[in-house]
Amino acid sequence: MSAFKAYKACVPIAWSPNLYITLVRGIPGTRRLHRRTLEALRLGKCNRTVMRWNTPTVRGMLQQVKRLVVIETEEMFKARKEKEAKHRAIRPPLVVSHLPPAASDSSQQAA
């Protein structure tokens, strides 16, 4: 699954007061206008996320670089971060016993 499909918005963006924008494609090889737009959005490196107010100006900038970024609502962003935190949580240690089986079991089988 591509990075874009992993983050793709399922809720109309116009309903959310805040937008979380993540750069998922690299900047090299893009047009100068797109690079300047990403610079204005404060997106300098891949997989960096910024929060911006949902205004017509920001939505116009996002329309310009829509193939380079992924847009999430606040609820989607929080759900994704919780899922990542749960995945990285410390798991209980795996206990393996290397002791030989008890001698009482083997004496009963021999009789």
PDB file of N, CA and C in Angstrom:
ATOM      1  N   MET A   1       0.847  -1.169   0.000  1.00  0.00           N
ATOM      2  CA  MET A   1       0.000   0.000   0.000  1.00  0.00           C
ATOM      3  C   MET A   1       0.897   1.238   0.000  1.00  0.00           C
ATOM      4  N   SER A   2       0.568   2.183  -0.849  1.00  0.00           N
ATOM      5  CA  SER A   2       1.382   3.390  -0.927  1.00  0.00           C
ATOM      6  C   SER A   2       1.128   4.287   0.276  1.00  0.00           C
ATOM      7  N   ALA A   3       2.061   5.187   0.505  1.00  0.00           N
ATOM      8  CA  ALA A   3       1.929   6.108   1.641  1.00  0.00           C
ATOM      9  C   ALA A   3       0.702   6.991   1.481  1.00  0.00           C
ATOM     10  N   PHE A   4       0.405   7.353   0.231  1.00  0.00           N
ATOM     11  CA  PHE A   4      -0.753   8.223   0.007  1.00  0.00           C
ATOM     12  C   PHE A   4      -2.046   7.536   0.411  1.00  0.00           C
ATOM     13  N   LYS A   5      -2.203   6.270   0.029  1.00  0.00           N
ATOM     14  CA  LYS A   5      -3.432   5.548   0.365  1.00  0.00           C
ATOM     15  C   LYS A   5      -3.532   5.280   1.864  1.00  0.00           C
ATOM     16  N   ALA A   6      -2.400   5.154   2.531  1.00  0.00           N
ATOM     17  CA  ALA A   6      -2.419   4.898   3.966  1.00  0.00           C
ATOM     18  C   ALA A   6      -2.995   6.077   4.741  1.00  0.00           C
ATOM     19  N   TYR A   7      -2.754   7.289   4.260  1.00  0.00           N
ATOM     20  CA  TYR A   7      -3.198   8.481   4.975  1.00  0.00           C
ATOM     21  C   TYR A   7      -4.422   9.141   4.340  1.00  0.00           C
ATOM     22  N   LYS A   8      -4.908   8.620   3.238  1.00  0.00           N
ATOM     23  CA  LYS A   8      -5.910   9.322   2.433  1.00  0.00           C
ATOM     24  C   LYS A   8      -7.154   9.680   3.252  1.00  0.00           C
ATOM     25  N   ALA A   9      -7.604  10.899   3.100  1.00  0.00           N
ATOM     26  CA  ALA A   9      -8.723  11.401   3.896  1.00  0.00           C
ATOM     27  C   ALA A   9     -10.030  10.747   3.477  1.00  0.00           C
ATOM     28  N   CYS A  10     -10.824  10.342   4.479  1.00  0.00           N
ATOM     29  CA  CYS A  10     -12.141   9.760   4.233  1.00  0.00           C
ATOM     30  C   CYS A  10     -13.253  10.758   4.558  1.00  0.00           C
ATOM     31  N   VAL A  11     -12.907  11.847   5.225  1.00  0.00           N
ATOM     32  CA  VAL A  11     -13.873  12.854   5.650  1.00  0.00           C
ATOM     33  C   VAL A  11     -13.648  14.102   4.807  1.00  0.00           C
ATOM     34  N   PRO A  12     -14.711  14.796   4.407  1.00  0.00           N
ATOM     35  CA  PRO A  12     -14.500  16.049   3.666  1.00  0.00           C
ATOM     36  C   PRO A  12     -13.667  17.036   4.482  1.00  0.00           C
ATOM     37  N   ILE A  13     -12.653  17.583   3.848  1.00  0.00           N
ATOM     38  CA  ILE A  13     -11.704  18.459   4.523  1.00  0.00           C
ATOM     39  C   ILE A  13     -12.377  19.748   4.992  1.00  0.00           C
ATOM     40  N   ALA A  14     -13.401  20.196   4.279  1.00  0.00           N
ATOM     41  CA  ALA A  14     -14.034  21.476   4.594  1.00  0.00           C
ATOM     42  C   ALA A  14     -14.665  21.480   5.984  1.00  0.00           C
ATOM     43  N   TRP A  15     -14.938  20.330   6.566  1.00  0.00           N
ATOM     44  CA  TRP A  15     -15.609  20.259   7.861  1.00  0.00           C
ATOM     45  C   TRP A  15     -14.662  20.418   9.034  1.00  0.00           C
ATOM     46  N   SER A  16     -13.386  20.274   8.828  1.00  0.00           N
ATOM     47  CA  SER A  16     -12.431  20.287   9.927  1.00  0.00           C
ATOM     48  C   SER A  16     -11.832  21.685  10.109  1.00  0.00           C
ATOM     49  N   PRO A  17     -11.726  22.184  11.359  1.00  0.00           N
ATOM     50  CA  PRO A  17     -11.122  23.504  11.567  1.00  0.00           C
ATOM     51  C   PRO A  17      -9.601  23.494  11.404  1.00  0.00           C
ATOM     52  N   ASN A  18      -8.958  22.365  11.676  1.00  0.00           N
ATOM     53  CA  ASN A  18      -7.504  22.233  11.548  1.00  0.00           C
ATOM     54  C   ASN A  18      -7.186  21.159  10.518  1.00  0.00           C
ATOM     55  N   LEU A  19      -6.104  21.373   9.791  1.00  0.00           N
ATOM     56  CA  LEU A  19      -5.639  20.377   8.829  1.00  0.00           C
ATOM     57  C   LEU A  19      -4.230  19.947   9.218  1.00  0.00           C
ATOM     58  N   TYR A  20      -3.990  18.662   9.179  1.00  0.00           N
ATOM     59  CA  TYR A  20      -2.659  18.118   9.422  1.00  0.00           C
ATOM     60  C   TYR A  20      -2.110  17.680   8.078  1.00  0.00           C
ATOM     61  N   ILE A  21      -1.009  18.305   7.676  1.00  0.00           N
ATOM     62  CA  ILE A  21      -0.445  18.103   6.345  1.00  0.00           C
ATOM     63  C   ILE A  21       0.874  17.357   6.499  1.00  0.00           C
ATOM     64  N   THR A  22       1.021  16.242   5.782  1.00  0.00           N
ATOM     65  CA  THR A  22       2.230  15.434   5.838  1.00  0.00           C
ATOM     66  C   THR A  22       2.835  15.351   4.447  1.00  0.00           C
ATOM     67  N   LEU A  23       4.109  15.649   4.339  1.00  0.00           N
ATOM     68  CA  LEU A  23       4.826  15.530   3.074  1.00  0.00           C
ATOM     69  C   LEU A  23       5.218  14.073   2.888  1.00  0.00           C
ATOM     70  N   VAL A  24       4.716  13.423   1.840  1.00  0.00           N
ATOM     71  CA  VAL A  24       4.996  11.997   1.640  1.00  0.00           C
ATOM     72  C   VAL A  24       5.840  11.721   0.407  1.00  0.00           C
ATOM     73  N   ARG A  25       6.107  12.727  -0.394  1.00  0.00           N
ATOM     74  CA  ARG A  25       6.974  12.547  -1.555  1.00  0.00           C
ATOM     75  C   ARG A  25       8.134  13.527  -1.464  1.00  0.00           C
ATOM     76  N   GLY A  26       9.235  13.175  -2.063  1.00  0.00           N
ATOM     77  CA  GLY A  26      10.432  13.996  -1.968  1.00  0.00           C
ATOM     78  C   GLY A  26      10.331  15.294  -2.749  1.00  0.00           C
ATOM     79  N   ILE A  27      11.119  16.257  -2.327  1.00  0.00           N
ATOM     80  CA  ILE A  27      11.122  17.573  -2.957  1.00  0.00           C
ATOM     81  C   ILE A  27      11.984  17.610  -4.225  1.00  0.00           C
ATOM     82  N   PRO A  28      13.124  16.899  -4.281  1.00  0.00           N
ATOM     83  CA  PRO A  28      13.950  16.989  -5.493  1.00  0.00           C
ATOM     84  C   PRO A  28      13.186  16.556  -6.738  1.00  0.00           C
ATOM     85  N   GLY A  29      13.366  17.312  -7.786  1.00  0.00           N
ATOM     86  CA  GLY A  29      12.697  17.001  -9.054  1.00  0.00           C
ATOM     87  C   GLY A  29      11.346  17.662  -9.212  1.00  0.00           C
ATOM     88  N   THR A  30      10.919  18.439  -8.238  1.00  0.00           N
ATOM     89  CA  THR A  30       9.632  19.118  -8.354  1.00  0.00           C
ATOM     90  C   THR A  30       9.836  20.515  -8.944  1.00  0.00           C
ATOM     91  N   ARG A  31       8.745  21.135  -9.324  1.00  0.00           N
ATOM     92  CA  ARG A  31       8.816  22.481  -9.889  1.00  0.00           C
ATOM     93  C   ARG A  31       9.167  23.501  -8.809  1.00  0.00           C
ATOM     94  N   ARG A  32       9.752  24.603  -9.239  1.00  0.00           N
ATOM     95  CA  ARG A  32      10.148  25.639  -8.296  1.00  0.00           C
ATOM     96  C   ARG A  32       8.936  26.197  -7.548  1.00  0.00           C
ATOM     97  N   LEU A  33       7.830  26.352  -8.240  1.00  0.00           N
ATOM     98  CA  LEU A  33       6.613  26.862  -7.606  1.00  0.00           C
ATOM     99  C   LEU A  33       6.131  25.919  -6.508  1.00  0.00           C
ATOM    100  N   HIS A  34       6.226  24.602  -6.754  1.00  0.00           N
ATOM    101  CA  HIS A  34       5.829  23.627  -5.734  1.00  0.00           C
ATOM    102  C   HIS A  34       6.776  23.658  -4.541  1.00  0.00           C
ATOM    103  N   ARG A  35       8.061  23.801  -4.808  1.00  0.00           N
ATOM    104  CA  ARG A  35       9.033  23.878  -3.716  1.00  0.00           C
ATOM    105  C   ARG A  35       8.782  25.102  -2.846  1.00  0.00           C
ATOM    106  N   ARG A  36       8.449  26.211  -3.485  1.00  0.00           N
ATOM    107  CA  ARG A  36       8.181  27.445  -2.719  1.00  0.00           C
ATOM    108  C   ARG A  36       6.886  27.314  -1.918  1.00  0.00           C
ATOM    109  N   THR A  37       5.916  26.602  -2.477  1.00  0.00           N
ATOM    110  CA  THR A  37       4.668  26.385  -1.746  1.00  0.00           C
ATOM    111  C   THR A  37       4.920  25.511  -0.519  1.00  0.00           C
ATOM    112  N   LEU A  38       5.714  24.455  -0.673  1.00  0.00           N
ATOM    113  CA  LEU A  38       6.044  23.590   0.459  1.00  0.00           C
ATOM    114  C   LEU A  38       6.851  24.359   1.505  1.00  0.00           C
ATOM    115  N   GLU A  39       7.706  25.242   1.059  1.00  0.00           N
ATOM    116  CA  GLU A  39       8.478  26.075   1.978  1.00  0.00           C
ATOM    117  C   GLU A  39       7.546  26.999   2.769  1.00  0.00           C
ATOM    118  N   ALA A  40       6.534  27.538   2.104  1.00  0.00           N
ATOM    119  CA  ALA A  40       5.563  28.407   2.781  1.00  0.00           C
ATOM    120  C   ALA A  40       4.721  27.617   3.780  1.00  0.00           C
ATOM    121  N   LEU A  41       4.487  26.347   3.496  1.00  0.00           N
ATOM    122  CA  LEU A  41       3.740  25.491   4.426  1.00  0.00           C
ATOM    123  C   LEU A  41       4.637  24.938   5.534  1.00  0.00           C
ATOM    124  N   ARG A  42       5.934  25.250   5.504  1.00  0.00           N
ATOM    125  CA  ARG A  42       6.918  24.783   6.484  1.00  0.00           C
ATOM    126  C   ARG A  42       7.129  23.273   6.410  1.00  0.00           C
ATOM    127  N   LEU A  43       7.079  22.732   5.198  1.00  0.00           N
ATOM    128  CA  LEU A  43       7.344  21.302   4.990  1.00  0.00           C
ATOM    129  C   LEU A  43       8.691  21.181   4.294  1.00  0.00           C
ATOM    130  N   GLY A  44       9.721  20.772   5.031  1.00  0.00           N
ATOM    131  CA  GLY A  44      11.056  20.704   4.467  1.00  0.00           C
ATOM    132  C   GLY A  44      11.544  19.294   4.193  1.00  0.00           C
ATOM    133  N   LYS A  45      11.036  18.310   4.942  1.00  0.00           N
ATOM    134  CA  LYS A  45      11.518  16.942   4.791  1.00  0.00           C
ATOM    135  C   LYS A  45      10.346  15.985   4.696  1.00  0.00           C
ATOM    136  N   CYS A  46      10.609  14.814   4.127  1.00  0.00           N
ATOM    137  CA  CYS A  46       9.565  13.804   3.989  1.00  0.00           C
ATOM    138  C   CYS A  46       9.107  13.312   5.362  1.00  0.00           C
ATOM    139  N   ASN A  47       7.850  12.916   5.423  1.00  0.00           N
ATOM    140  CA  ASN A  47       7.205  12.376   6.618  1.00  0.00           C
ATOM    141  C   ASN A  47       7.159  13.372   7.773  1.00  0.00           C
ATOM    142  N   ARG A  48       7.244  14.654   7.483  1.00  0.00           N
ATOM    143  CA  ARG A  48       7.054  15.686   8.493  1.00  0.00           C
ATOM    144  C   ARG A  48       5.609  16.171   8.416  1.00  0.00           C
ATOM    145  N   THR A  49       5.009  16.405   9.570  1.00  0.00           N
ATOM    146  CA  THR A  49       3.615  16.828   9.640  1.00  0.00           C
ATOM    147  C   THR A  49       3.535  18.202  10.280  1.00  0.00           C
ATOM    148  N   VAL A  50       2.707  19.070   9.697  1.00  0.00           N
ATOM    149  CA  VAL A  50       2.447  20.387  10.261  1.00  0.00           C
ATOM    150  C   VAL A  50       0.944  20.574  10.390  1.00  0.00           C
ATOM    151  N   MET A  51       0.547  21.433  11.352  1.00  0.00           N
ATOM    152  CA  MET A  51      -0.870  21.747  11.537  1.00  0.00           C
ATOM    153  C   MET A  51      -1.098  23.163  11.016  1.00  0.00           C
ATOM    154  N   ARG A  52      -2.120  23.308  10.180  1.00  0.00           N
ATOM    155  CA  ARG A  52      -2.482  24.616   9.646  1.00  0.00           C
ATOM    156  C   ARG A  52      -3.984  24.808   9.797  1.00  0.00           C
ATOM    157  N   TRP A  53      -4.388  26.063   9.938  1.00  0.00           N
ATOM    158  CA  TRP A  53      -5.815  26.380   9.981  1.00  0.00           C
ATOM    159  C   TRP A  53      -6.427  26.089   8.623  1.00  0.00           C
ATOM    160  N   ASN A  54      -7.672  25.680   8.612  1.00  0.00           N
ATOM    161  CA  ASN A  54      -8.384  25.360   7.374  1.00  0.00           C
ATOM    162  C   ASN A  54      -8.950  26.654   6.789  1.00  0.00           C
ATOM    163  N   THR A  55      -8.152  27.336   5.981  1.00  0.00           N
ATOM    164  CA  THR A  55      -8.572  28.578   5.339  1.00  0.00           C
ATOM    165  C   THR A  55      -8.514  28.400   3.831  1.00  0.00           C
ATOM    166  N   PRO A  56      -9.214  29.239   3.087  1.00  0.00           N
ATOM    167  CA  PRO A  56      -9.153  29.136   1.619  1.00  0.00           C
ATOM    168  C   PRO A  56      -7.733  29.285   1.074  1.00  0.00           C
ATOM    169  N   THR A  57      -6.915  30.105   1.715  1.00  0.00           N
ATOM    170  CA  THR A  57      -5.536  30.285   1.263  1.00  0.00           C
ATOM    171  C   THR A  57      -4.750  28.985   1.376  1.00  0.00           C
ATOM    172  N   VAL A  58      -4.856  28.333   2.524  1.00  0.00           N
ATOM    173  CA  VAL A  58      -4.127  27.071   2.748  1.00  0.00           C
ATOM    174  C   VAL A  58      -4.661  25.987   1.825  1.00  0.00           C
ATOM    175  N   ARG A  59      -5.989  25.934   1.648  1.00  0.00           N
ATOM    176  CA  ARG A  59      -6.551  24.912   0.744  1.00  0.00           C
ATOM    177  C   ARG A  59      -6.088  25.130  -0.691  1.00  0.00           C
ATOM    178  N   GLY A  60      -5.917  26.388  -1.110  1.00  0.00           N
ATOM    179  CA  GLY A  60      -5.386  26.658  -2.450  1.00  0.00           C
ATOM    180  C   GLY A  60      -3.952  26.196  -2.588  1.00  0.00           C
ATOM    181  N   MET A  61      -3.153  26.396  -1.544  1.00  0.00           N
ATOM    182  CA  MET A  61      -1.766  25.929  -1.567  1.00  0.00           C
ATOM    183  C   MET A  61      -1.719  24.405  -1.631  1.00  0.00           C
ATOM    184  N   LEU A  62      -2.606  23.760  -0.891  1.00  0.00           N
ATOM    185  CA  LEU A  62      -2.636  22.297  -0.886  1.00  0.00           C
ATOM    186  C   LEU A  62      -3.103  21.752  -2.224  1.00  0.00           C
ATOM    187  N   GLN A  63      -4.006  22.462  -2.880  1.00  0.00           N
ATOM    188  CA  GLN A  63      -4.458  22.039  -4.211  1.00  0.00           C
ATOM    189  C   GLN A  63      -3.290  22.039  -5.191  1.00  0.00           C
ATOM    190  N   GLN A  64      -2.371  22.975  -4.984  1.00  0.00           N
ATOM    191  CA  GLN A  64      -1.226  23.092  -5.877  1.00  0.00           C
ATOM    192  C   GLN A  64      -0.240  21.928  -5.711  1.00  0.00           C
ATOM    193  N   VAL A  65      -0.082  21.437  -4.492  1.00  0.00           N
ATOM    194  CA  VAL A  65       0.910  20.381  -4.226  1.00  0.00           C
ATOM    195  C   VAL A  65       0.239  19.093  -3.768  1.00  0.00           C
ATOM    196  N   LYS A  66      -0.970  18.833  -4.217  1.00  0.00           N
ATOM    197  CA  LYS A  66      -1.738  17.692  -3.706  1.00  0.00           C
ATOM    198  C   LYS A  66      -1.099  16.346  -3.997  1.00  0.00           C
ATOM    199  N   ARG A  67      -0.266  16.247  -5.007  1.00  0.00           N
ATOM    200  CA  ARG A  67       0.368  14.967  -5.295  1.00  0.00           C
ATOM    201  C   ARG A  67       1.576  14.704  -4.404  1.00  0.00           C
ATOM    202  N   LEU A  68       2.023  15.714  -3.662  1.00  0.00           N
ATOM    203  CA  LEU A  68       3.184  15.569  -2.797  1.00  0.00           C
ATOM    204  C   LEU A  68       2.823  15.397  -1.326  1.00  0.00           C
ATOM    205  N   VAL A  69       1.603  15.771  -0.958  1.00  0.00           N
ATOM    206  CA  VAL A  69       1.229  15.788   0.459  1.00  0.00           C
ATOM    207  C   VAL A  69      -0.007  14.942   0.700  1.00  0.00           C
ATOM    208  N   VAL A  70      -0.243  14.658   1.983  1.00  0.00           N
ATOM    209  CA  VAL A  70      -1.456  13.990   2.424  1.00  0.00           C
ATOM    210  C   VAL A  70      -2.084  14.879   3.479  1.00  0.00           C
ATOM    211  N   ILE A  71      -3.396  15.054   3.393  1.00  0.00           N
ATOM    212  CA  ILE A  71      -4.115  15.945   4.285  1.00  0.00           C
ATOM    213  C   ILE A  71      -5.002  15.109   5.194  1.00  0.00           C
ATOM    214  N   GLU A  72      -4.929  15.380   6.503  1.00  0.00           N
ATOM    215  CA  GLU A  72      -5.732  14.661   7.479  1.00  0.00           C
ATOM    216  C   GLU A  72      -6.503  15.654   8.338  1.00  0.00           C
ATOM    217  N   THR A  73      -7.646  15.217   8.824  1.00  0.00           N
ATOM    218  CA  THR A  73      -8.375  16.005   9.806  1.00  0.00           C
ATOM    219  C   THR A  73      -7.779  15.708  11.185  1.00  0.00           C
ATOM    220  N   GLU A  74      -8.211  16.452  12.178  1.00  0.00           N
ATOM    221  CA  GLU A  74      -7.662  16.280  13.529  1.00  0.00           C
ATOM    222  C   GLU A  74      -7.962  14.892  14.088  1.00  0.00           C
ATOM    223  N   GLU A  75      -9.178  14.397  13.858  1.00  0.00           N
ATOM    224  CA  GLU A  75      -9.564  13.084  14.367  1.00  0.00           C
ATOM    225  C   GLU A  75      -8.735  11.979  13.722  1.00  0.00           C
ATOM    226  N   MET A  76      -8.526  12.083  12.416  1.00  0.00           N
ATOM    227  CA  MET A  76      -7.742  11.072  11.709  1.00  0.00           C
ATOM    228  C   MET A  76      -6.289  11.079  12.191  1.00  0.00           C
ATOM    229  N   PHE A  77      -5.742  12.267  12.409  1.00  0.00           N
ATOM    230  CA  PHE A  77      -4.359  12.386  12.863  1.00  0.00           C
ATOM    231  C   PHE A  77      -4.188  11.753  14.243  1.00  0.00           C
ATOM    232  N   LYS A  78      -5.111  12.059  15.167  1.00  0.00           N
ATOM    233  CA  LYS A  78      -5.023  11.508  16.519  1.00  0.00           C
ATOM    234  C   LYS A  78      -5.186   9.990  16.508  1.00  0.00           C
ATOM    235  N   ALA A  79      -6.105   9.478  15.676  1.00  0.00           N
ATOM    236  CA  ALA A  79      -6.298   8.029  15.595  1.00  0.00           C
ATOM    237  C   ALA A  79      -5.049   7.346  15.055  1.00  0.00           C
ATOM    238  N   ARG A  80      -4.409   7.939  14.071  1.00  0.00           N
ATOM    239  CA  ARG A  80      -3.192   7.354  13.504  1.00  0.00           C
ATOM    240  C   ARG A  80      -2.058   7.363  14.529  1.00  0.00           C
ATOM    241  N   LYS A  81      -1.916   8.460  15.271  1.00  0.00           N
ATOM    242  CA  LYS A  81      -0.863   8.541  16.274  1.00  0.00           C
ATOM    243  C   LYS A  81      -1.095   7.543  17.411  1.00  0.00           C
ATOM    244  N   GLU A  82      -2.362   7.350  17.818  1.00  0.00           N
ATOM    245  CA  GLU A  82      -2.661   6.358  18.856  1.00  0.00           C
ATOM    246  C   GLU A  82      -2.336   4.954  18.376  1.00  0.00           C
ATOM    247  N   LYS A  83      -2.655   4.667  17.132  1.00  0.00           N
ATOM    248  CA  LYS A  83      -2.367   3.346  16.570  1.00  0.00           C
ATOM    249  C   LYS A  83      -0.857   3.100  16.524  1.00  0.00           C
ATOM    250  N   GLU A  84      -0.081   4.115  16.122  1.00  0.00           N
ATOM    251  CA  GLU A  84       1.368   3.977  16.089  1.00  0.00           C
ATOM    252  C   GLU A  84       1.938   3.791  17.492  1.00  0.00           C
ATOM    253  N   ALA A  85       1.402   4.529  18.473  1.00  0.00           N
ATOM    254  CA  ALA A  85       1.887   4.408  19.847  1.00  0.00           C
ATOM    255  C   ALA A  85       1.581   3.026  20.409  1.00  0.00           C
ATOM    256  N   LYS A  86       0.398   2.508  20.099  1.00  0.00           N
ATOM    257  CA  LYS A  86       0.032   1.167  20.572  1.00  0.00           C
ATOM    258  C   LYS A  86       0.929   0.111  19.936  1.00  0.00           C
ATOM    259  N   HIS A  87       1.295   0.321  18.680  1.00  0.00           N
ATOM    260  CA  HIS A  87       2.160  -0.631  17.989  1.00  0.00           C
ATOM    261  C   HIS A  87       3.570  -0.631  18.585  1.00  0.00           C
ATOM    262  N   ARG A  88       4.038   0.547  19.026  1.00  0.00           N
ATOM    263  CA  ARG A  88       5.387   0.669  19.576  1.00  0.00           C
ATOM    264  C   ARG A  88       5.454   0.405  21.074  1.00  0.00           C
ATOM    265  N   ALA A  89       4.329   0.120  21.695  1.00  0.00           N
ATOM    266  CA  ALA A  89       4.305  -0.069  23.147  1.00  0.00           C
ATOM    267  C   ALA A  89       5.193  -1.245  23.542  1.00  0.00           C
ATOM    268  N   ILE A  90       5.728  -1.175  24.754  1.00  0.00           N
ATOM    269  CA  ILE A  90       6.593  -2.243  25.254  1.00  0.00           C
ATOM    270  C   ILE A  90       5.734  -3.467  25.541  1.00  0.00           C
ATOM    271  N   ARG A  91       6.153  -4.564  24.990  1.00  0.00           N
ATOM    272  CA  ARG A  91       5.412  -5.812  25.162  1.00  0.00           C
ATOM    273  C   ARG A  91       5.987  -6.588  26.341  1.00  0.00           C
ATOM    274  N   PRO A  92       5.187  -7.437  26.996  1.00  0.00           N
ATOM    275  CA  PRO A  92       5.729  -8.225  28.100  1.00  0.00           C
ATOM    276  C   PRO A  92       6.796  -9.197  27.583  1.00  0.00           C
ATOM    277  N   PRO A  93       7.812  -9.484  28.401  1.00  0.00           N
ATOM    278  CA  PRO A  93       8.894 -10.349  27.931  1.00  0.00           C
ATOM    279  C   PRO A  93       8.409 -11.783  27.706  1.00  0.00           C
ATOM    280  N   LEU A  94       9.016 -12.425  26.746  1.00  0.00           N
ATOM    281  CA  LEU A  94       8.717 -13.813  26.440  1.00  0.00           C
ATOM    282  C   LEU A  94       9.577 -14.687  27.349  1.00  0.00           C
ATOM    283  N   VAL A  95       8.951 -15.527  28.177  1.00  0.00           N
ATOM    284  CA  VAL A  95       9.679 -16.368  29.125  1.00  0.00           C
ATOM    285  C   VAL A  95       9.763 -17.776  28.550  1.00  0.00           C
ATOM    286  N   VAL A  96      10.995 -18.243  28.384  1.00  0.00           N
ATOM    287  CA  VAL A  96      11.230 -19.584  27.850  1.00  0.00           C
ATOM    288  C   VAL A  96      11.975 -20.378  28.909  1.00  0.00           C
ATOM    289  N   SER A  97      11.482 -21.561  29.232  1.00  0.00           N
ATOM    290  CA  SER A  97      12.124 -22.406  30.228  1.00  0.00           C
ATOM    291  C   SER A  97      12.952 -23.465  29.503  1.00  0.00           C
ATOM    292  N   HIS A  98      14.254 -23.519  29.827  1.00  0.00           N
ATOM    293  CA  HIS A  98      15.149 -24.491  29.218  1.00  0.00           C
ATOM    294  C   HIS A  98      15.479 -25.641  30.174  1.00  0.00           C
ATOM    295  N   LEU A  99      14.708 -25.796  31.216  1.00  0.00           N
ATOM    296  CA  LEU A  99      14.952 -26.879  32.174  1.00  0.00           C
ATOM    297  C   LEU A  99      14.437 -28.198  31.607  1.00  0.00           C
ATOM    298  N   PRO A 100      15.094 -29.319  31.919  1.00  0.00           N
ATOM    299  CA  PRO A 100      14.601 -30.619  31.441  1.00  0.00           C
ATOM    300  C   PRO A 100      13.278 -30.959  32.126  1.00  0.00           C
ATOM    301  N   PRO A 101      12.486 -31.819  31.524  1.00  0.00           N
ATOM    302  CA  PRO A 101      11.210 -32.185  32.150  1.00  0.00           C
ATOM    303  C   PRO A 101      11.441 -32.828  33.511  1.00  0.00           C
ATOM    304  N   ALA A 102      10.442 -32.748  34.360  1.00  0.00           N
ATOM    305  CA  ALA A 102      10.565 -33.273  35.730  1.00  0.00           C
ATOM    306  C   ALA A 102      10.860 -34.770  35.709  1.00  0.00           C
ATOM    307  N   ALA A 103      11.684 -35.257  36.665  1.00  0.00           N
ATOM    308  CA  ALA A 103      12.088 -36.664  36.738  1.00  0.00           C
ATOM    309  C   ALA A 103      10.926 -37.559  37.164  1.00  0.00           C
ATOM    310  N   SER A 104       9.964 -37.051  37.911  1.00  0.00           N
ATOM    311  CA  SER A 104       8.857 -37.865  38.382  1.00  0.00           C
ATOM    312  C   SER A 104       7.987 -38.368  37.221  1.00  0.00           C
ATOM    313  N   ASP A 105       7.897 -37.569  36.149  1.00  0.00           N
ATOM    314  CA  ASP A 105       7.103 -38.001  35.002  1.00  0.00           C
ATOM    315  C   ASP A 105       7.751 -39.184  34.292  1.00  0.00           C
ATOM    316  N   SER A 106       9.090 -39.174  34.168  1.00  0.00           N
ATOM    317  CA  SER A 106       9.772 -40.236  33.452  1.00  0.00           C
ATOM    318  C   SER A 106       9.752 -41.554  34.247  1.00  0.00           C
ATOM    319  N   SER A 107       9.777 -41.477  35.602  1.00  0.00           N
ATOM    320  CA  SER A 107       9.752 -42.708  36.394  1.00  0.00           C
ATOM    321  C   SER A 107       8.385 -43.377  36.321  1.00  0.00           C
ATOM    322  N   GLN A 108       7.321 -42.620  36.189  1.00  0.00           N
ATOM    323  CA  GLN A 108       5.986 -43.192  36.087  1.00  0.00           C
ATOM    324  C   GLN A 108       5.796 -43.863  34.733  1.00  0.00           C
ATOM    325  N   GLN A 109       6.409 -43.336  33.685  1.00  0.00           N
ATOM    326  CA  GLN A 109       6.250 -43.910  32.363  1.00  0.00           C
ATOM    327  C   GLN A 109       7.026 -45.236  32.259  1.00  0.00           C
ATOM    328  N   ALA A 110       8.127 -45.379  32.967  1.00  0.00           N
ATOM    329  CA  ALA A 110       8.933 -46.585  32.902  1.00  0.00           C
ATOM    330  C   ALA A 110       8.244 -47.768  33.607  1.00  0.00           C
ATOM    331  N   ALA A 111       7.423 -47.525  34.602  1.00  0.00           N
ATOM    332  CA  ALA A 111       6.812 -48.602  35.386  1.00  0.00           C
ATOM    333  C   ALA A 111       5.658 -49.256  34.697  1.00  0.00           C
TER     334      ALA A 111
END
